[in-house]
Amino acid sequence: MVLRKKHYFLICFTALLLSIFALILNIKTVPLIKKQHLNTKKIRLLKEENQHLNYYIQKETTLEKIEVKAKKLNMIYLPTKKINHLFINPTQ
């Protein structure tokens, strides 16, 4: 009977220690999880901004806009011509 009480006491004491350890671990990880969510949100916003900037760059680097900018800066350049591509079929 006394041995059984000791086993119960040991099991309850171990469970209590594990519970306290789990609570301490949870308290320490909650701020880290919040920071991780904040960083994930910042990354998502930066990716979106990067996508908008890539679109802006693609929109601003058309051939006509480059020619207009070159004329504004008094740059000397050869007039651009459209390039015609010839596709050769290698099987013939």
C-alpha atoms as a PDB file:
ATOM      1  CA  MET A   1       0.000   0.000   0.000  1.00  0.00           C
ATOM      2  CA  VAL A   2       2.765   2.444   0.900  1.00  0.00           C
ATOM      3  CA  LEU A   3       4.625   1.480  -2.281  1.00  0.00           C
ATOM      4  CA  ARG A   4       1.541   2.227  -4.325  1.00  0.00           C
ATOM      5  CA  LYS A   5       1.188   5.681  -2.750  1.00  0.00           C
ATOM      6  CA  LYS A   6       4.821   6.386  -3.549  1.00  0.00           C
ATOM      7  CA  HIS A   7       4.245   5.420  -7.192  1.00  0.00           C
ATOM      8  CA  TYR A   8       1.180   7.679  -7.421  1.00  0.00           C
ATOM      9  CA  PHE A   9       3.083  10.514  -5.770  1.00  0.00           C
ATOM     10  CA  LEU A  10       6.017  10.045  -8.145  1.00  0.00           C
ATOM     11  CA  ILE A  11       3.723   9.958 -11.197  1.00  0.00           C
ATOM     12  CA  CYS A  12       1.819  13.081 -10.065  1.00  0.00           C
ATOM     13  CA  PHE A  13       5.044  14.924  -9.249  1.00  0.00           C
ATOM     14  CA  THR A  14       6.527  14.029 -12.662  1.00  0.00           C
ATOM     15  CA  ALA A  15       3.326  15.150 -14.420  1.00  0.00           C
ATOM     16  CA  LEU A  16       3.395  18.420 -12.494  1.00  0.00           C
ATOM     17  CA  LEU A  17       7.027  19.067 -13.426  1.00  0.00           C
ATOM     18  CA  LEU A  18       6.356  18.274 -17.094  1.00  0.00           C
ATOM     19  CA  SER A  19       3.330  20.593 -17.074  1.00  0.00           C
ATOM     20  CA  ILE A  20       5.366  23.436 -15.583  1.00  0.00           C
ATOM     21  CA  PHE A  21       8.139  22.830 -18.118  1.00  0.00           C
ATOM     22  CA  ALA A  22       5.589  22.870 -20.975  1.00  0.00           C
ATOM     23  CA  LEU A  23       4.117  26.147 -19.720  1.00  0.00           C
ATOM     24  CA  ILE A  24       7.551  27.764 -19.491  1.00  0.00           C
ATOM     25  CA  LEU A  25       8.383  26.570 -22.995  1.00  0.00           C
ATOM     26  CA  ASN A  26       5.060  27.899 -24.291  1.00  0.00           C
ATOM     27  CA  ILE A  27       5.641  31.291 -22.639  1.00  0.00           C
ATOM     28  CA  LYS A  28       9.058  31.559 -24.272  1.00  0.00           C
ATOM     29  CA  THR A  29       7.873  30.518 -27.754  1.00  0.00           C
ATOM     30  CA  VAL A  30       4.773  32.742 -28.050  1.00  0.00           C
ATOM     31  CA  PRO A  31       6.794  35.941 -28.737  1.00  0.00           C
ATOM     32  CA  LEU A  32       8.879  34.041 -31.287  1.00  0.00           C
ATOM     33  CA  ILE A  33       5.759  32.836 -33.071  1.00  0.00           C
ATOM     34  CA  LYS A  34       4.390  36.393 -33.144  1.00  0.00           C
ATOM     35  CA  LYS A  35       7.668  37.667 -34.611  1.00  0.00           C
ATOM     36  CA  GLN A  36       7.595  34.897 -37.197  1.00  0.00           C
ATOM     37  CA  HIS A  37       4.061  35.878 -38.260  1.00  0.00           C
ATOM     38  CA  LEU A  38       5.112  39.526 -38.456  1.00  0.00           C
ATOM     39  CA  ASN A  39       8.154  38.649 -40.570  1.00  0.00           C
ATOM     40  CA  THR A  40       6.024  36.480 -42.852  1.00  0.00           C
ATOM     41  CA  LYS A  41       3.619  39.380 -43.336  1.00  0.00           C
ATOM     42  CA  LYS A  42       6.519  41.751 -44.121  1.00  0.00           C
ATOM     43  CA  ILE A  43       7.928  39.267 -46.633  1.00  0.00           C
ATOM     44  CA  ARG A  44       4.544  38.995 -48.337  1.00  0.00           C
ATOM     45  CA  LEU A  45       4.254  42.796 -48.560  1.00  0.00           C
ATOM     46  CA  LEU A  46       7.807  43.101 -49.914  1.00  0.00           C
ATOM     47  CA  LYS A  47       7.108  40.443 -52.545  1.00  0.00           C
ATOM     48  CA  GLU A  48       3.988  42.324 -53.596  1.00  0.00           C
ATOM     49  CA  GLU A  49       5.909  45.598 -53.795  1.00  0.00           C
ATOM     50  CA  ASN A  50       8.653  43.854 -55.776  1.00  0.00           C
ATOM     51  CA  GLN A  51       6.061  42.540 -58.224  1.00  0.00           C
ATOM     52  CA  HIS A  52       4.651  46.055 -58.688  1.00  0.00           C
ATOM     53  CA  LEU A  53       8.136  47.450 -59.271  1.00  0.00           C
ATOM     54  CA  ASN A  54       8.913  44.723 -61.818  1.00  0.00           C
ATOM     55  CA  TYR A  55       5.690  45.572 -63.637  1.00  0.00           C
ATOM     56  CA  TYR A  56       6.593  49.283 -63.561  1.00  0.00           C
ATOM     57  CA  ILE A  57      10.059  48.567 -64.963  1.00  0.00           C
ATOM     58  CA  GLN A  58       8.625  46.431 -67.750  1.00  0.00           C
ATOM     59  CA  LYS A  59       6.103  49.140 -68.559  1.00  0.00           C
ATOM     60  CA  GLU A  60       8.725  51.900 -68.607  1.00  0.00           C
ATOM     61  CA  THR A  61      11.300  50.050 -70.734  1.00  0.00           C
ATOM     62  CA  THR A  62       9.383  49.922 -73.977  1.00  0.00           C
ATOM     63  CA  LEU A  63      11.255  50.877 -77.115  1.00  0.00           C
ATOM     64  CA  GLU A  64       9.225  54.040 -77.654  1.00  0.00           C
ATOM     65  CA  LYS A  65       9.769  55.318 -74.111  1.00  0.00           C
ATOM     66  CA  ILE A  66      13.490  54.665 -74.354  1.00  0.00           C
ATOM     67  CA  GLU A  67      13.635  56.686 -77.587  1.00  0.00           C
ATOM     68  CA  VAL A  68      11.709  59.573 -75.999  1.00  0.00           C
ATOM     69  CA  LYS A  69      14.023  59.563 -72.980  1.00  0.00           C
ATOM     70  CA  ALA A  70      17.086  59.498 -75.258  1.00  0.00           C
ATOM     71  CA  LYS A  71      15.764  62.499 -77.183  1.00  0.00           C
ATOM     72  CA  LYS A  72      15.147  64.400 -73.926  1.00  0.00           C
ATOM     73  CA  LEU A  73      18.733  63.748 -72.838  1.00  0.00           C
ATOM     74  CA  ASN A  74      20.083  64.754 -76.286  1.00  0.00           C
ATOM     75  CA  MET A  75      21.631  61.369 -76.788  1.00  0.00           C
ATOM     76  CA  ILE A  76      22.825  60.372 -80.214  1.00  0.00           C
ATOM     77  CA  TYR A  77      21.655  56.965 -81.286  1.00  0.00           C
ATOM     78  CA  LEU A  78      20.866  55.054 -84.391  1.00  0.00           C
ATOM     79  CA  PRO A  79      17.193  54.868 -85.207  1.00  0.00           C
ATOM     80  CA  THR A  80      15.772  51.585 -84.148  1.00  0.00           C
ATOM     81  CA  LYS A  81      14.225  49.209 -86.601  1.00  0.00           C
ATOM     82  CA  LYS A  82      12.031  46.289 -85.940  1.00  0.00           C
ATOM     83  CA  ILE A  83      13.881  43.000 -86.152  1.00  0.00           C
ATOM     84  CA  ASN A  84      12.475  40.331 -88.390  1.00  0.00           C
ATOM     85  CA  HIS A  85      13.230  36.815 -87.251  1.00  0.00           C
ATOM     86  CA  LEU A  86      13.682  33.949 -89.664  1.00  0.00           C
ATOM     87  CA  PHE A  87      12.793  30.556 -88.291  1.00  0.00           C
ATOM     88  CA  ILE A  88      14.627  27.718 -90.001  1.00  0.00           C
ATOM     89  CA  ASN A  89      13.196  24.272 -89.723  1.00  0.00           C
ATOM     90  CA  PRO A  90      16.173  21.907 -89.005  1.00  0.00           C
ATOM     91  CA  THR A  91      14.415  18.803 -90.363  1.00  0.00           C
ATOM     92  CA  GLN A  92      14.445  20.003 -93.971  1.00  0.00           C
END
